[in-house]
Amino acid sequence: MNRDKRKYLRAALTVLLLLLTSVSLVAVISRAVRDKDRQEIRNEINQSVPCQEETETNQEKTVGSEESSEDQTKEETDSAWETKKASEPEKQTEPDSRDQACEETVLQEPPYQPPVLAIASDLHYQSHSITDRGKAYKDFIAGSDGKLIEYLPQLFDAFSDEIVNMDADVLILSGDITMNGEAENHQELSDKLARIQETGIPVLVIPGNHDINNPNASYYFGDKKTQGQSVTPDEFYQYYRKFGYDQALCRDEASLSYIYELDEKYWIMMLDTCQYEPVNLVGGRIREETLLWMEEWLREAEAAGVTVIPVGHHNLLPQSSLYTTDCALDNYQEVAELLERFRLPVYVSGHLHVQRLKKHSQIPLSEERFGPGVRLEAELASENEKDPYGIYEIVSDSLSITPCQYGIMSWDEKGNMVYRTKEVDVSAWAADQGLTDQDLLNFEIYSKEYIKKIISRQIENKMDPVSMELIGEMTDLYAELYEDYYAGRIIDEKAVKSSIPWQWWNRILPDSRQMREMRAMIGDSKEDHNYLYLPVP
């Protein structure tokens, strides 16, 4: 054999030896790893006290997975388990009771917890990014109908923190979520809603008449306002697709309506009541195609034993003698008939900016005072008596107007519904944030003074020099009536009309718009509208 062949043979033998050595090392390491894993499994078994049936099943799985390759390990595992059973005989003396406890643990479900809904309307969110706070912006504020424009971002942040802290099951926003549908307002608001949703609270949104194709979209820089960028229906969807639309049980193809499955007992029917194509209109109407879609899903819910809560921006019923046009749906009678055919308990809306409760029925129900509002008791109806049922509308007042309220709807374990309102505590929020702005730290005082300033500017050019001395007390009265009316509180007509400021209004400006408004406010405020109790029928 020549030298080259011997050299080649030695190299081949060396490689073969190295391969055999590597295989052996791998086998040793693998065995060590498996032994370690099995020891950990045995330690876990020894540290726990499972149900007997579950333990035997786990033991079979552990042993069975290795028996084809490691019989000795199987014997070790069995031996360890037997040793454990022998060392703890007292834990095996009552297998029947432990099996029963295990079975009960598996079969028992946590008790059903009825949902809690937070409901707000007419945020009219206004970003600071579309103004320099110059003359155009100040003129915009001066012409306000009471919206707290300057502090709307802070107001919404305070509201958001309250919703997160109350741990509501869902936050519902029933339209007019932006000032006039400006794209910047939609973008900033949707970012804030995303932060709420990140805490685990779903947010459901529908548009209002201010939100889509709004010709009044504006920017406020310098001395004059300029045309702003409004959004289309498709753009609205893109901004808010994460807030109900893409999570919906079903979406209506004819509108921006959808159904959200809150849980196995309750669905939320979010209704797009707005008219924005081809042009934006203030009044609302539900499309014929949407009515058919509603009927289909109401039938589905009825068959499934589910309660549906419809939410729309526009009102189902005429509600106010102060606002008599463009509030109730154009086809509200048709809509009410559909909802009552399926005996829905309530319809939730906004748009009016006034907190209202109203039942769609001419059959009176017995009433009694219960807390701050009206409690409705179901009457025992005999065969000859008419059915007292009628759908109840809850109109949520505007979050952007003092006293900055929102609603809370909940059910007890029997299915009785309770609705109440709550004011956003902006002052407490500002203090917690360490803010120094005195208007925010004393927000309740600021908001009242804000209304008085607006009214003063509106009437001062109608006052003579003598009556100008009375303007403070006159605007105080208007501001008090304004807040009580929009908050849905009772107004004491006798006390108001016997007051000196009322006499001055009646003498100096008897035919003014403000005087007509105050008369309507008093006439509409005979009852408190901040609490509703609806028992199971």
Protein backbone atom coordinates (compact mmCIF):
# COMPACT_ATOMS: atom_id res chain seq x y z
CA MET A 1 0.00 0.00 0.00
CA ASN A 2 1.55 3.27 -0.99
CA ARG A 3 2.02 6.20 1.30
CA ASP A 4 -0.93 8.26 -0.06
CA LYS A 5 -3.42 5.46 0.43
CA ARG A 6 -2.24 4.87 4.02
CA LYS A 7 -2.53 8.57 4.69
CA TYR A 8 -6.06 8.65 3.28
CA LEU A 9 -7.08 5.59 5.35
CA ARG A 10 -5.82 7.11 8.58
CA ALA A 11 -7.78 10.30 7.89
CA ALA A 12 -10.96 8.35 7.19
CA LEU A 13 -10.57 6.37 10.41
CA THR A 14 -10.03 9.58 12.34
CA VAL A 15 -13.22 11.13 10.92
CA LEU A 16 -15.19 8.00 11.70
CA LEU A 17 -13.90 7.98 15.26
CA LEU A 18 -14.88 11.61 15.71
CA LEU A 19 -18.37 10.91 14.38
CA LEU A 20 -18.86 8.01 16.78
CA THR A 21 -17.64 10.14 19.67
CA SER A 22 -20.06 12.97 18.74
CA VAL A 23 -23.02 10.59 18.54
CA SER A 24 -22.19 9.23 21.97
CA LEU A 25 -21.94 12.71 23.45
CA VAL A 26 -25.27 13.73 21.93
CA ALA A 27 -26.90 10.63 23.35
CA VAL A 28 -25.52 11.34 26.81
CA ILE A 29 -26.61 14.98 26.70
CA SER A 30 -30.09 14.07 25.43
CA ARG A 31 -30.47 11.50 28.17
CA ALA A 32 -29.43 14.07 30.78
CA VAL A 33 -31.90 16.61 29.44
CA ARG A 34 -34.72 14.08 29.41
CA ASP A 35 -33.86 12.97 32.93
CA LYS A 36 -33.91 16.60 34.06
CA ASP A 37 -37.28 17.22 32.39
CA ARG A 38 -38.76 14.12 33.94
CA GLN A 39 -37.43 15.10 37.35
CA GLU A 40 -39.09 18.49 36.98
CA ILE A 41 -42.36 16.79 36.09
CA ARG A 42 -42.04 14.55 39.14
CA ASN A 43 -41.30 17.59 41.31
CA GLU A 44 -44.40 19.32 40.02
CA ILE A 45 -46.46 16.22 40.80
CA ASN A 46 -45.00 16.02 44.29
CA GLN A 47 -45.68 19.72 44.95
CA SER A 48 -49.37 19.63 43.91
CA VAL A 49 -52.47 17.93 45.31
CA PRO A 50 -54.69 17.36 42.27
CA CYS A 51 -57.92 15.45 42.00
CA GLN A 52 -57.20 11.73 41.89
CA GLU A 53 -58.72 11.26 38.45
CA GLU A 54 -56.76 14.17 36.96
CA THR A 55 -53.48 12.95 38.51
CA GLU A 56 -53.84 9.43 37.13
CA THR A 57 -54.55 10.82 33.67
CA ASN A 58 -51.46 13.04 33.80
CA GLN A 59 -49.36 10.17 35.05
CA GLU A 60 -50.46 7.97 32.15
CA LYS A 61 -49.61 10.71 29.65
CA THR A 62 -46.16 11.28 31.20
CA VAL A 63 -45.22 7.62 31.26
CA GLY A 64 -46.81 6.73 27.92
CA SER A 65 -44.89 9.38 26.04
CA GLU A 66 -41.53 7.77 26.88
CA GLU A 67 -42.22 4.04 27.19
CA SER A 68 -41.13 3.14 23.68
CA SER A 69 -37.54 4.24 24.31
CA GLU A 70 -36.96 4.39 28.09
CA ASP A 71 -38.55 1.51 30.07
CA GLN A 72 -36.22 2.08 32.99
CA THR A 73 -37.33 5.71 33.29
CA LYS A 74 -40.95 4.54 33.34
CA GLU A 75 -40.20 2.29 36.29
CA GLU A 76 -38.48 5.17 38.10
CA THR A 77 -41.46 7.49 37.54
CA ASP A 78 -43.95 4.84 38.70
CA SER A 79 -41.82 4.17 41.73
CA ALA A 80 -41.66 7.87 42.62
CA TRP A 81 -45.40 8.21 42.33
CA GLU A 82 -46.03 5.12 44.46
CA THR A 83 -43.58 6.44 47.03
CA LYS A 84 -45.50 9.73 47.17
CA LYS A 85 -48.85 7.96 47.60
CA ALA A 86 -47.40 5.80 50.36
CA SER A 87 -45.91 8.81 52.15
CA GLU A 88 -49.20 10.74 52.11
CA PRO A 89 -51.90 8.19 52.92
CA GLU A 90 -54.10 10.73 54.70
CA LYS A 91 -54.66 12.57 51.38
CA GLN A 92 -56.07 9.42 49.80
CA THR A 93 -58.44 8.40 52.58
CA GLU A 94 -61.43 10.30 51.15
CA PRO A 95 -61.26 9.90 47.40
CA ASP A 96 -65.02 10.18 46.95
CA SER A 97 -65.31 13.61 48.61
CA ARG A 98 -62.36 14.97 46.65
CA ASP A 99 -63.74 13.60 43.39
CA GLN A 100 -67.04 15.33 44.18
CA ALA A 101 -65.28 18.63 44.91
CA CYS A 102 -63.36 18.33 41.67
CA GLU A 103 -66.55 17.65 39.72
CA GLU A 104 -68.30 20.64 41.31
CA THR A 105 -65.34 22.88 40.42
CA VAL A 106 -65.57 21.82 36.80
CA LEU A 107 -69.35 22.14 36.50
CA GLN A 108 -69.94 25.40 38.41
CA GLU A 109 -69.90 28.62 36.37
CA PRO A 110 -69.46 32.11 37.82
CA PRO A 111 -72.78 33.91 38.36
CA TYR A 112 -73.93 36.13 35.49
CA GLN A 113 -72.95 39.76 35.93
CA PRO A 114 -75.29 42.18 34.12
CA PRO A 115 -73.45 44.78 32.05
CA VAL A 116 -72.89 48.44 32.91
CA LEU A 117 -73.18 50.91 30.00
CA ALA A 118 -71.70 54.42 30.00
CA ILE A 119 -73.59 56.61 27.52
CA ALA A 120 -72.56 60.08 26.29
CA SER A 121 -73.76 62.24 23.44
CA ASP A 122 -72.85 65.41 21.57
CA LEU A 123 -69.20 65.67 22.61
CA HIS A 124 -68.63 68.24 19.85
CA TYR A 125 -64.91 67.64 20.26
CA GLN A 126 -62.79 70.63 19.20
CA SER A 127 -59.04 70.20 18.75
CA HIS A 128 -56.71 73.07 19.62
CA SER A 129 -54.73 72.23 16.51
CA ILE A 130 -57.13 74.08 14.20
CA THR A 131 -56.95 77.47 15.90
CA ASP A 132 -54.43 80.04 17.04
CA ARG A 133 -56.93 81.44 19.60
CA GLY A 134 -57.04 84.70 17.72
CA LYS A 135 -59.98 86.93 16.83
CA ALA A 136 -61.71 84.35 14.63
CA TYR A 137 -61.62 81.83 17.45
CA LYS A 138 -62.88 84.33 20.03
CA ASP A 139 -65.75 85.28 17.74
CA PHE A 140 -66.57 81.60 17.38
CA ILE A 141 -66.75 81.20 21.17
CA ALA A 142 -68.82 84.36 21.55
CA GLY A 143 -71.46 82.94 19.23
CA SER A 144 -71.56 79.59 21.03
CA ASP A 145 -74.84 78.07 22.20
CA GLY A 146 -73.22 77.11 25.49
CA LYS A 147 -70.61 74.56 24.43
CA LEU A 148 -67.53 74.91 26.60
CA ILE A 149 -65.32 75.20 23.52
CA GLU A 150 -62.07 76.35 25.11
CA TYR A 151 -61.81 73.32 27.41
CA LEU A 152 -63.36 70.52 25.37
CA PRO A 153 -60.11 68.47 25.13
CA GLN A 154 -59.59 68.65 28.91
CA LEU A 155 -63.26 67.92 29.54
CA PHE A 156 -63.04 64.78 27.43
CA ASP A 157 -59.84 63.67 29.18
CA ALA A 158 -61.55 64.04 32.57
CA PHE A 159 -64.55 62.09 31.27
CA SER A 160 -62.28 59.35 29.88
CA ASP A 161 -60.57 58.86 33.23
CA GLU A 162 -63.93 58.53 34.99
CA ILE A 163 -65.09 55.89 32.51
CA VAL A 164 -61.89 53.89 32.94
CA ASN A 165 -62.05 54.12 36.74
CA MET A 166 -65.70 53.01 36.87
CA ASP A 167 -64.76 49.93 34.81
CA ALA A 168 -67.82 50.12 32.56
CA ASP A 169 -68.47 47.21 30.20
CA VAL A 170 -68.87 49.54 27.22
CA LEU A 171 -68.79 53.24 26.34
CA ILE A 172 -71.48 54.35 23.87
CA LEU A 173 -71.19 57.65 21.98
CA SER A 174 -74.44 58.57 20.25
CA GLY A 175 -73.31 61.03 17.59
CA ASP A 176 -72.16 64.63 17.11
CA ILE A 177 -68.81 63.51 18.39
CA THR A 178 -67.01 66.43 16.69
CA MET A 179 -67.68 70.15 16.53
CA ASN A 180 -68.40 70.38 12.82
CA GLY A 181 -66.90 67.22 11.35
CA GLU A 182 -63.36 68.54 10.81
CA ALA A 183 -60.87 65.81 9.90
CA GLU A 184 -58.45 67.00 12.60
CA ASN A 185 -61.15 66.66 15.24
CA HIS A 186 -61.94 63.12 14.09
CA GLN A 187 -58.27 62.15 14.14
CA GLU A 188 -57.56 63.54 17.60
CA LEU A 189 -60.74 62.11 19.09
CA SER A 190 -60.17 58.65 17.61
CA ASP A 191 -56.68 58.64 19.17
CA LYS A 192 -58.21 59.40 22.57
CA LEU A 193 -60.84 56.69 22.12
CA ALA A 194 -58.09 54.20 21.33
CA ARG A 195 -56.51 54.91 24.71
CA ILE A 196 -59.82 54.15 26.44
CA GLN A 197 -60.17 50.92 24.51
CA GLU A 198 -56.63 49.88 25.43
CA THR A 199 -57.80 49.64 29.05
CA GLY A 200 -60.26 46.91 28.03
CA ILE A 201 -63.42 49.02 27.70
CA PRO A 202 -65.00 48.69 24.23
CA VAL A 203 -66.08 51.97 22.61
CA LEU A 204 -69.10 52.09 20.25
CA VAL A 205 -69.56 55.08 17.92
CA ILE A 206 -72.20 56.30 15.47
CA PRO A 207 -72.28 59.61 13.56
CA GLY A 208 -74.44 62.63 14.26
CA ASN A 209 -75.51 65.36 11.87
CA HIS A 210 -72.34 67.35 12.68
CA ASP A 211 -69.88 64.59 11.77
CA ILE A 212 -70.05 63.79 8.03
CA ASN A 213 -70.03 66.05 4.95
CA ASN A 214 -70.54 69.07 7.18
CA PRO A 215 -70.33 72.33 5.19
CA ASN A 216 -69.60 74.21 8.44
CA ALA A 217 -66.24 72.51 8.98
CA SER A 218 -63.92 75.42 9.82
CA TYR A 219 -60.45 76.51 10.92
CA TYR A 220 -59.87 79.53 13.17
CA PHE A 221 -56.61 81.35 12.49
CA GLY A 222 -56.12 85.08 12.47
CA ASP A 223 -59.10 87.38 12.05
CA LYS A 224 -61.34 85.16 9.93
CA LYS A 225 -62.41 81.58 9.96
CA THR A 226 -61.69 79.53 6.83
CA GLN A 227 -63.22 76.42 5.30
CA GLY A 228 -62.11 73.24 7.05
CA GLN A 229 -61.73 69.70 5.79
CA SER A 230 -64.86 67.63 6.36
CA VAL A 231 -65.00 63.83 6.06
CA THR A 232 -66.99 61.44 3.87
CA PRO A 233 -68.93 58.39 5.16
CA ASP A 234 -66.05 56.12 4.10
CA GLU A 235 -63.53 58.33 5.89
CA PHE A 236 -65.71 58.32 9.02
CA TYR A 237 -65.61 54.53 8.95
CA GLN A 238 -61.82 54.54 8.59
CA TYR A 239 -61.44 56.78 11.64
CA TYR A 240 -63.77 54.69 13.80
CA ARG A 241 -63.64 51.16 12.41
CA LYS A 242 -62.03 49.96 15.63
CA PHE A 243 -64.90 51.33 17.70
CA GLY A 244 -67.78 49.00 16.95
CA TYR A 245 -67.80 48.60 13.18
CA ASP A 246 -65.22 45.87 12.69
CA GLN A 247 -66.31 44.14 15.91
CA ALA A 248 -70.00 44.11 14.99
CA LEU A 249 -72.22 41.06 14.96
CA CYS A 250 -73.71 42.50 11.76
CA ARG A 251 -73.40 45.71 9.72
CA ASP A 252 -76.12 47.35 7.66
CA GLU A 253 -75.09 47.70 4.01
CA ALA A 254 -77.28 50.79 3.50
CA SER A 255 -75.91 52.94 6.34
CA LEU A 256 -73.35 53.20 9.11
CA SER A 257 -75.58 51.15 11.41
CA TYR A 258 -74.48 47.94 13.12
CA ILE A 259 -75.30 45.50 15.91
CA TYR A 260 -72.84 44.84 18.71
CA GLU A 261 -73.18 41.74 20.87
CA LEU A 262 -72.57 42.95 24.41
CA ASP A 263 -73.08 39.52 25.96
CA GLU A 264 -75.42 36.54 25.70
CA LYS A 265 -78.39 38.60 26.94
CA TYR A 266 -77.94 42.06 25.44
CA TRP A 267 -77.24 43.46 21.97
CA ILE A 268 -76.67 47.13 21.18
CA MET A 269 -78.24 48.28 17.89
CA MET A 270 -76.24 51.35 16.85
CA LEU A 271 -78.37 53.26 14.32
CA ASP A 272 -77.14 55.75 11.75
CA THR A 273 -80.05 58.21 11.70
CA CYS A 274 -78.27 60.96 9.75
CA GLN A 275 -78.85 62.38 6.29
CA TYR A 276 -75.52 63.38 4.75
CA GLU A 277 -75.80 62.29 1.11
CA PRO A 278 -75.86 64.04 -1.28
CA VAL A 279 -75.76 66.94 1.21
CA ASN A 280 -75.73 67.23 4.96
CA LEU A 281 -79.09 67.86 6.69
CA VAL A 282 -79.75 68.67 10.33
CA GLY A 283 -82.81 66.43 10.63
CA GLY A 284 -82.68 62.67 10.80
CA ARG A 285 -84.36 59.73 9.13
CA ILE A 286 -83.82 55.96 9.12
CA ARG A 287 -83.61 54.59 5.58
CA GLU A 288 -86.15 52.07 4.35
CA GLU A 289 -83.39 49.51 3.72
CA THR A 290 -82.17 50.01 7.27
CA LEU A 291 -85.68 49.45 8.64
CA LEU A 292 -85.79 46.09 6.87
CA TRP A 293 -82.36 45.22 8.27
CA MET A 294 -83.52 46.23 11.76
CA GLU A 295 -86.62 44.06 11.51
CA GLU A 296 -84.58 41.04 10.44
CA TRP A 297 -82.21 41.31 13.39
CA LEU A 298 -84.92 42.14 15.89
CA ARG A 299 -86.57 38.91 14.86
CA GLU A 300 -83.26 37.09 15.35
CA ALA A 301 -82.88 38.59 18.82
CA GLU A 302 -86.45 37.70 19.79
CA ALA A 303 -85.86 34.07 18.80
CA ALA A 304 -82.63 34.00 20.82
CA GLY A 305 -84.19 35.60 23.91
CA VAL A 306 -81.90 38.62 23.63
CA THR A 307 -82.81 42.17 24.71
CA VAL A 308 -81.88 44.80 22.12
CA ILE A 309 -81.02 48.37 23.10
CA PRO A 310 -81.28 50.68 20.04
CA VAL A 311 -79.13 53.82 20.04
CA GLY A 312 -79.49 56.63 17.51
CA HIS A 313 -78.46 60.26 17.32
CA HIS A 314 -81.84 61.79 16.49
CA ASN A 315 -84.81 61.55 18.80
CA LEU A 316 -87.47 58.89 18.50
CA LEU A 317 -90.17 61.18 19.95
CA PRO A 318 -90.90 64.93 19.95
CA GLN A 319 -89.42 66.01 23.26
CA SER A 320 -89.15 69.78 23.64
CA SER A 321 -91.27 72.89 23.27
CA LEU A 322 -88.03 74.87 22.99
CA TYR A 323 -86.66 72.82 20.09
CA THR A 324 -89.53 71.84 17.83
CA THR A 325 -87.87 71.19 14.45
CA ASP A 326 -85.22 68.79 13.17
CA CYS A 327 -85.02 66.86 16.45
CA ALA A 328 -87.35 63.85 16.13
CA LEU A 329 -86.78 61.49 13.21
CA ASP A 330 -88.74 62.39 10.09
CA ASN A 331 -90.23 58.88 10.17
CA TYR A 332 -90.28 58.49 13.95
CA GLN A 333 -93.78 57.00 14.00
CA GLU A 334 -92.76 54.20 11.65
CA VAL A 335 -89.61 53.54 13.66
CA ALA A 336 -91.47 53.56 16.97
CA GLU A 337 -94.03 51.11 15.60
CA LEU A 338 -91.25 48.72 14.56
CA LEU A 339 -89.46 48.88 17.90
CA GLU A 340 -92.69 48.46 19.86
CA ARG A 341 -93.71 45.49 17.76
CA PHE A 342 -90.78 43.67 19.38
CA ARG A 343 -91.52 45.27 22.79
CA LEU A 344 -88.10 46.86 23.24
CA PRO A 345 -87.75 48.62 26.60
CA VAL A 346 -85.83 51.77 25.63
CA TYR A 347 -84.41 53.81 22.77
CA VAL A 348 -81.35 55.97 23.51
CA SER A 349 -80.60 59.20 21.65
CA GLY A 350 -78.91 62.61 21.88
CA HIS A 351 -79.05 65.59 19.48
CA LEU A 352 -81.40 67.68 21.64
CA HIS A 353 -78.68 68.67 24.17
CA VAL A 354 -81.36 68.32 26.86
CA GLN A 355 -81.64 65.45 29.36
CA ARG A 356 -85.10 63.93 28.79
CA LEU A 357 -87.09 60.79 29.60
CA LYS A 358 -90.34 60.12 27.76
CA LYS A 359 -92.64 57.16 27.30
CA HIS A 360 -94.34 56.57 23.96
CA SER A 361 -97.80 55.83 25.23
CA GLN A 362 -101.04 57.54 26.09
CA ILE A 363 -101.73 54.99 28.81
CA PRO A 364 -100.53 56.48 32.13
CA LEU A 365 -98.43 54.38 34.46
CA SER A 366 -98.48 54.76 38.21
CA GLU A 367 -95.65 56.93 39.47
CA GLU A 368 -93.90 57.41 42.77
CA ARG A 369 -90.87 59.37 43.87
CA PHE A 370 -87.80 57.17 44.03
CA GLY A 371 -84.47 58.84 44.66
CA PRO A 372 -83.93 61.86 42.41
CA GLY A 373 -86.39 60.88 39.71
CA VAL A 374 -89.44 58.95 38.59
CA ARG A 375 -89.88 55.25 39.24
CA LEU A 376 -92.27 53.44 36.96
CA GLU A 377 -94.14 50.47 38.41
CA ALA A 378 -95.73 47.96 36.10
CA GLU A 379 -99.48 47.95 36.62
CA LEU A 380 -101.35 44.74 37.10
CA ALA A 381 -103.50 44.64 33.98
CA SER A 382 -106.69 42.58 33.93
CA GLU A 383 -108.01 41.00 30.76
CA ASN A 384 -110.22 44.00 30.10
CA GLU A 385 -107.51 46.61 30.63
CA LYS A 386 -105.27 47.98 27.93
CA ASP A 387 -101.60 47.01 27.75
CA PRO A 388 -99.57 49.77 29.51
CA TYR A 389 -96.45 49.01 27.50
CA GLY A 390 -94.77 51.72 25.43
CA ILE A 391 -91.13 52.17 24.50
CA TYR A 392 -89.27 54.67 26.66
CA GLU A 393 -86.83 57.15 25.14
CA ILE A 394 -83.75 58.30 27.02
CA VAL A 395 -82.28 61.48 25.56
CA SER A 396 -78.75 62.00 26.81
CA ASP A 397 -77.82 65.66 27.15
CA SER A 398 -74.66 67.11 25.64
CA LEU A 399 -71.38 66.35 27.37
CA SER A 400 -70.04 69.65 26.01
CA ILE A 401 -72.60 71.85 27.83
CA THR A 402 -72.83 72.52 31.55
CA PRO A 403 -73.34 70.52 33.73
CA CYS A 404 -71.43 68.09 31.45
CA GLN A 405 -73.43 64.95 32.21
CA TYR A 406 -73.39 61.41 30.91
CA GLY A 407 -75.63 58.42 31.58
CA ILE A 408 -75.07 55.07 33.28
CA MET A 409 -77.40 52.18 32.41
CA SER A 410 -77.33 48.90 34.30
CA TRP A 411 -79.46 45.89 35.22
CA ASP A 412 -79.87 43.97 38.44
CA GLU A 413 -79.81 40.18 38.68
CA LYS A 414 -83.55 40.02 38.00
CA GLY A 415 -83.30 42.06 34.81
CA ASN A 416 -84.74 45.33 36.17
CA MET A 417 -83.13 48.28 34.40
CA VAL A 418 -81.80 51.42 36.09
CA TYR A 419 -80.62 54.57 34.32
CA ARG A 420 -79.09 57.57 36.05
CA THR A 421 -76.90 60.52 35.14
CA LYS A 422 -73.54 61.65 36.47
CA GLU A 423 -71.63 64.92 36.08
CA VAL A 424 -67.99 64.87 35.03
CA ASP A 425 -65.88 66.15 37.92
CA VAL A 426 -63.45 68.27 35.93
CA SER A 427 -62.19 70.18 38.97
CA ALA A 428 -61.11 67.00 40.78
CA TRP A 429 -59.47 65.70 37.62
CA ALA A 430 -57.55 68.97 37.14
CA ALA A 431 -56.31 68.83 40.73
CA ASP A 432 -55.20 65.20 40.31
CA GLN A 433 -53.31 66.21 37.16
CA GLY A 434 -51.50 68.97 39.02
CA LEU A 435 -52.88 71.66 36.70
CA THR A 436 -52.75 75.33 37.67
CA ASP A 437 -55.48 76.74 35.40
CA GLN A 438 -58.03 78.21 37.83
CA ASP A 439 -60.89 77.80 35.35
CA LEU A 440 -60.29 74.04 35.31
CA LEU A 441 -59.72 73.83 39.05
CA ASN A 442 -63.06 75.63 39.59
CA PHE A 443 -64.84 74.28 36.54
CA GLU A 444 -68.38 74.39 37.91
CA ILE A 445 -68.06 78.12 38.66
CA TYR A 446 -66.35 78.76 35.34
CA SER A 447 -69.07 77.01 33.33
CA LYS A 448 -71.84 79.05 34.96
CA GLU A 449 -69.99 82.31 34.44
CA TYR A 450 -69.39 81.28 30.85
CA ILE A 451 -73.14 81.04 30.16
CA LYS A 452 -73.75 84.39 31.84
CA LYS A 453 -71.13 86.08 29.65
CA ILE A 454 -72.69 84.65 26.50
CA ILE A 455 -76.16 85.90 27.46
CA SER A 456 -74.79 89.29 28.53
CA ARG A 457 -73.21 89.80 25.11
CA GLN A 458 -76.44 88.75 23.41
CA ILE A 459 -78.69 91.21 25.25
CA GLU A 460 -76.47 94.15 26.19
CA ASN A 461 -77.20 95.96 22.90
CA LYS A 462 -80.92 95.76 23.75
CA MET A 463 -80.52 97.37 27.18
CA ASP A 464 -80.64 101.08 27.94
CA PRO A 465 -78.09 102.66 30.31
CA VAL A 466 -80.45 102.38 33.28
CA SER A 467 -81.36 98.73 32.79
CA MET A 468 -77.70 97.79 32.22
CA GLU A 469 -77.31 97.96 36.00
CA LEU A 470 -79.69 95.00 36.25
CA ILE A 471 -77.99 92.82 33.68
CA GLY A 472 -76.03 90.81 36.23
CA GLU A 473 -79.07 89.58 38.14
CA MET A 474 -80.99 88.97 34.92
CA THR A 475 -78.23 86.82 33.46
CA ASP A 476 -77.91 84.99 36.80
CA LEU A 477 -81.53 83.88 36.46
CA TYR A 478 -81.12 82.83 32.84
CA ALA A 479 -77.97 80.83 33.67
CA GLU A 480 -79.74 79.01 36.51
CA LEU A 481 -82.71 78.10 34.31
CA TYR A 482 -80.39 77.12 31.46
CA GLU A 483 -78.37 74.68 33.56
CA ASP A 484 -81.42 73.13 35.23
CA TYR A 485 -83.20 72.72 31.91
CA TYR A 486 -80.34 71.08 30.03
CA ALA A 487 -79.59 68.90 33.05
CA GLY A 488 -83.20 67.67 33.11
CA ARG A 489 -84.00 68.96 36.58
CA ILE A 490 -87.31 70.25 37.95
CA ILE A 491 -87.78 74.01 37.71
CA ASP A 492 -90.00 75.60 40.34
CA GLU A 493 -92.21 77.78 38.13
CA LYS A 494 -93.86 79.60 41.00
CA ALA A 495 -90.55 80.54 42.62
CA VAL A 496 -89.04 81.72 39.34
CA LYS A 497 -91.98 83.86 38.27
CA SER A 498 -92.21 85.51 41.67
CA SER A 499 -88.54 86.53 41.63
CA ILE A 500 -87.38 90.12 41.02
CA PRO A 501 -85.06 89.19 38.08
CA TRP A 502 -88.00 87.56 36.31
CA GLN A 503 -90.02 90.76 36.71
CA TRP A 504 -87.17 92.74 35.18
CA TRP A 505 -86.94 90.37 32.22
CA ASN A 506 -90.71 90.65 31.76
CA ARG A 507 -90.59 94.44 31.91
CA ILE A 508 -87.41 95.23 29.93
CA LEU A 509 -87.19 92.41 27.35
CA PRO A 510 -90.61 90.71 27.30
CA ASP A 511 -90.46 89.76 23.62
CA SER A 512 -86.79 88.80 23.45
CA ARG A 513 -85.61 85.41 22.28
CA GLN A 514 -84.14 84.78 25.72
CA MET A 515 -87.49 85.41 27.40
CA ARG A 516 -89.24 82.98 25.05
CA GLU A 517 -86.55 80.41 25.81
CA MET A 518 -87.00 80.77 29.57
CA ARG A 519 -90.76 80.31 29.29
CA ALA A 520 -90.21 77.12 27.27
CA MET A 521 -87.61 75.87 29.76
CA ILE A 522 -90.03 76.30 32.64
CA GLY A 523 -92.86 74.61 30.75
CA ASP A 524 -90.71 71.57 29.90
CA SER A 525 -89.30 71.05 33.40
CA LYS A 526 -92.16 69.74 35.52
CA GLU A 527 -90.37 66.46 36.30
CA ASP A 528 -86.86 65.26 36.95
CA HIS A 529 -85.35 63.37 34.01
CA ASN A 530 -82.17 62.02 35.59
CA TYR A 531 -83.37 58.66 36.90
CA LEU A 532 -85.39 55.87 35.36
CA TYR A 533 -86.30 52.47 36.78
CA LEU A 534 -87.90 49.95 34.42
CA PRO A 535 -88.93 46.68 36.04
CA VAL A 536 -89.11 43.43 34.17
CA PRO A 537 -92.58 43.28 32.55
